Structure formats: C-alpha cells, structure tokens
Amino acid sequence: MVTRVFVHGLDSSSRGNKGTFFREKYPDMIIEDYPGDLENRMSKLCRILADKKDIILVGSSYGGLMAAIYACNNEDRIKRLILLAPALNLEDFSPYRSTAIKSPVILYHGSRDDIVPPDPVHDIAEEVFQNLRYNIVDDDHSLSETFTSFDWDTLLGD
C-alpha cells in the first residue's frame, strides 16, 4: 500500500488549487498545512511520515524543495518523487547537491516560470536525481494551465 503525500508551496496551503484537486481526486492522500520556516515545515513533514513507507511524494515549488530534501534524507522510504516547479535553486538545497538519488523522479516545470527559473533547476535536478524524467511545459510557475492534464492516476499509482 503506497502512501501519497502532497506538500504545498511557500505562499499556498492545503486548500490551494493543487491541494483541493488532490483532496477531491485522491481522498486517501495526506494533505497538510506547512507553516513557518523550513526547519518547522521539515519537522512537521518528518513527523507525519515517521511510520510511512512506499511514499509517493508530490511537492510544489517550496514544497518541492521540502520533498527533495526529505527524499535525500529518506530515500529508502520513497517510491516516487513528483516535483512541480521545485525551488531547488535556493541555498537551502545546496547541502544536498552532492547526493545521488536513485528513486524515480518526475519533474514538471513551466517554461514561462518567472518565480523559480527552469534552467538552473533542471541542471541541479540532473546532478542529484539519477532516475529523472524532466518535463518542460508551456506554462507559468503555478502550472495552472497544465496541472490537471497530467496523468495523475499513473503518476500516483502503485
């Protein structure tokens, strides 16, 4: 049995567009609010996932940074990592850039993202994730035009 988890971005919440979409389509998915600084957010995520395994972790923007950090520290618990315009370019991810993650990683990034630049994130993702499927889509940072068209049943499937 897989554990599906969604982690929202910095200025979003579990009630944002993506959280609402996942809650309606996948009622078993863990969708929480992560307030505070990165340390507090990561502590909460680690507490929530403490007894979980076979995790399919979806992280959006700052939540993508959190998901990537969690995967770097807990790869044995990760079944699949799905990153949506992840903020891997932030200094907080620097300590993890020498990590080699073998778990499958699917990354979607908008070509018109003016918040998290796609090119540096792509380069960092190529360094860290050895089993990376990188997708650049014609969209902005929030992926509002393409997000619901992704094959979520396959992405979040066992």
Protein backbone atom coordinates (compact mmCIF):
# COMPACT_ATOMS: atom_id res chain seq x y z
CA MET A 1 0.00 0.00 0.00
CA VAL A 2 1.54 3.29 -1.08
CA THR A 3 1.38 6.49 0.93
CA ARG A 4 0.51 9.51 -1.23
CA VAL A 5 1.54 12.91 0.11
CA PHE A 6 1.21 16.46 -1.25
CA VAL A 7 3.35 19.33 0.05
CA HIS A 8 2.23 22.83 -0.93
CA GLY A 9 4.39 25.84 -1.74
CA LEU A 10 5.58 28.72 0.42
CA ASP A 11 2.62 31.07 -0.02
CA SER A 12 0.00 28.36 -0.52
CA SER A 13 -1.82 25.94 1.74
CA SER A 14 -3.54 22.59 1.72
CA ARG A 15 -6.62 24.48 0.48
CA GLY A 16 -4.93 25.87 -2.64
CA ASN A 17 -5.79 24.71 -6.17
CA LYS A 18 -3.48 21.70 -6.12
CA GLY A 19 -4.41 20.65 -2.58
CA THR A 20 -8.10 20.91 -3.44
CA PHE A 21 -7.61 18.92 -6.65
CA PHE A 22 -5.76 16.13 -4.85
CA ARG A 23 -8.21 16.06 -1.92
CA GLU A 24 -11.16 15.60 -4.30
CA LYS A 25 -9.50 13.07 -6.62
CA TYR A 26 -7.41 11.12 -4.06
CA PRO A 27 -9.17 11.20 -0.67
CA ASP A 28 -6.52 8.94 0.88
CA MET A 29 -3.73 11.42 0.09
CA ILE A 30 -2.04 13.13 3.03
CA ILE A 31 -2.52 16.88 2.52
CA GLU A 32 -1.44 19.08 5.43
CA ASP A 33 -0.57 22.73 6.00
CA TYR A 34 3.11 23.55 6.50
CA PRO A 35 3.52 26.95 8.20
CA GLY A 36 6.69 28.59 9.43
CA ASP A 37 10.27 28.42 8.31
CA LEU A 38 11.91 25.49 6.53
CA GLU A 39 13.03 23.84 9.76
CA ASN A 40 9.49 23.86 11.20
CA ARG A 41 8.00 22.68 7.92
CA MET A 42 10.50 19.83 7.60
CA SER A 43 9.96 18.78 11.22
CA LYS A 44 6.23 18.52 10.61
CA LEU A 45 6.72 16.58 7.37
CA CYS A 46 9.11 14.16 9.10
CA ARG A 47 6.64 13.62 11.97
CA ILE A 48 3.79 12.94 9.53
CA LEU A 49 5.87 10.43 7.56
CA ALA A 50 7.69 8.84 10.53
CA ASP A 51 5.94 5.46 10.23
CA LYS A 52 5.29 5.54 6.47
CA LYS A 53 6.99 3.74 3.60
CA ASP A 54 6.42 3.36 -0.15
CA ILE A 55 5.83 7.11 -0.25
CA ILE A 56 4.82 8.90 -3.42
CA LEU A 57 5.71 12.44 -2.52
CA VAL A 58 4.40 15.37 -4.59
CA GLY A 59 5.94 18.77 -3.85
CA SER A 60 5.08 22.09 -5.44
CA SER A 61 7.57 24.98 -5.53
CA TYR A 62 8.85 25.37 -1.94
CA GLY A 63 7.06 22.11 -1.21
CA GLY A 64 9.17 20.63 -4.00
CA LEU A 65 12.26 21.78 -2.15
CA MET A 66 10.90 20.13 1.00
CA ALA A 67 10.05 16.91 -0.85
CA ALA A 68 13.52 16.78 -2.41
CA ILE A 69 15.22 17.33 0.96
CA TYR A 70 13.03 14.64 2.53
CA ALA A 71 13.94 12.23 -0.29
CA CYS A 72 17.64 12.96 0.11
CA ASN A 73 17.41 12.06 3.80
CA ASN A 74 14.95 9.15 3.48
CA GLU A 75 15.41 7.61 0.06
CA ASP A 76 14.66 4.11 1.37
CA ARG A 77 11.08 5.25 2.10
CA ILE A 78 10.47 6.90 -1.28
CA LYS A 79 8.69 5.03 -4.05
CA ARG A 80 8.45 8.04 -6.36
CA LEU A 81 9.06 11.78 -6.17
CA ILE A 82 6.97 14.20 -8.24
CA LEU A 83 8.27 17.76 -8.28
CA LEU A 84 6.26 20.70 -9.63
CA ALA A 85 8.47 23.75 -10.35
CA PRO A 86 10.60 22.85 -7.31
CA ALA A 87 12.67 25.58 -5.67
CA LEU A 88 15.89 23.54 -5.85
CA ASN A 89 17.81 26.70 -6.73
CA LEU A 90 17.50 28.02 -3.16
CA GLU A 91 20.53 27.95 -0.87
CA ASP A 92 18.69 25.52 1.44
CA PHE A 93 19.20 22.76 -1.14
CA SER A 94 22.95 23.35 -1.54
CA PRO A 95 23.98 20.74 1.09
CA TYR A 96 22.08 18.07 -0.86
CA ARG A 97 23.55 18.75 -4.29
CA SER A 98 26.18 16.05 -3.83
CA THR A 99 23.52 13.44 -3.03
CA ALA A 100 22.71 10.81 -5.65
CA ILE A 101 19.04 9.82 -5.54
CA LYS A 102 18.17 6.63 -7.44
CA SER A 103 14.41 6.69 -6.80
CA PRO A 104 12.24 7.68 -9.77
CA VAL A 105 11.74 11.43 -10.01
CA ILE A 106 9.26 13.13 -12.33
CA LEU A 107 9.68 16.88 -12.59
CA TYR A 108 7.34 19.35 -14.31
CA HIS A 109 8.39 22.94 -14.84
CA GLY A 110 6.73 25.79 -16.72
CA SER A 111 8.80 27.37 -19.48
CA ARG A 112 7.33 30.75 -18.51
CA ASP A 113 8.10 30.40 -14.78
CA ASP A 114 9.30 33.81 -13.55
CA ILE A 115 9.49 32.76 -9.88
CA VAL A 116 11.66 29.62 -9.98
CA PRO A 117 13.85 29.69 -13.10
CA PRO A 118 13.64 26.41 -15.03
CA ASP A 119 17.23 26.23 -16.36
CA PRO A 120 19.11 26.23 -13.01
CA VAL A 121 16.55 23.82 -11.54
CA HIS A 122 17.00 21.46 -14.49
CA ASP A 123 20.78 21.50 -14.05
CA ILE A 124 20.52 20.81 -10.31
CA ALA A 125 17.95 18.04 -10.85
CA GLU A 126 20.24 16.38 -13.42
CA GLU A 127 23.06 16.41 -10.82
CA VAL A 128 21.06 14.92 -7.97
CA PHE A 129 18.39 12.64 -9.44
CA GLN A 130 19.80 9.67 -11.34
CA ASN A 131 16.38 8.44 -12.49
CA LEU A 132 14.92 11.77 -13.63
CA ARG A 133 12.10 12.36 -16.08
CA TYR A 134 12.16 16.11 -16.73
CA ASN A 135 9.18 17.77 -18.41
CA ILE A 136 9.16 21.40 -19.51
CA VAL A 137 5.62 22.55 -20.27
CA ASP A 138 4.24 25.74 -21.78
CA ASP A 139 3.01 27.23 -18.53
CA ASP A 140 3.90 29.58 -15.68
CA HIS A 141 5.12 28.83 -12.15
CA SER A 142 1.80 27.58 -10.81
CA LEU A 143 1.32 25.22 -13.77
CA SER A 144 -2.30 26.38 -13.73
CA GLU A 145 -2.86 25.64 -17.43
CA THR A 146 -1.37 22.14 -17.48
CA PHE A 147 -1.53 20.71 -13.93
CA THR A 148 -4.90 18.96 -14.24
CA SER A 149 -3.92 17.46 -17.61
CA PHE A 150 -1.04 15.44 -16.13
CA ASP A 151 -1.76 11.69 -15.89
CA TRP A 152 -2.18 11.71 -12.11
CA ASP A 153 -3.69 8.23 -11.98
CA THR A 154 -0.44 6.84 -13.41
CA LEU A 155 1.82 9.24 -11.51
CA LEU A 156 0.21 8.39 -8.19
CA GLY A 157 -0.46 4.72 -8.94
CA ASP A 158 1.10 1.77 -7.19
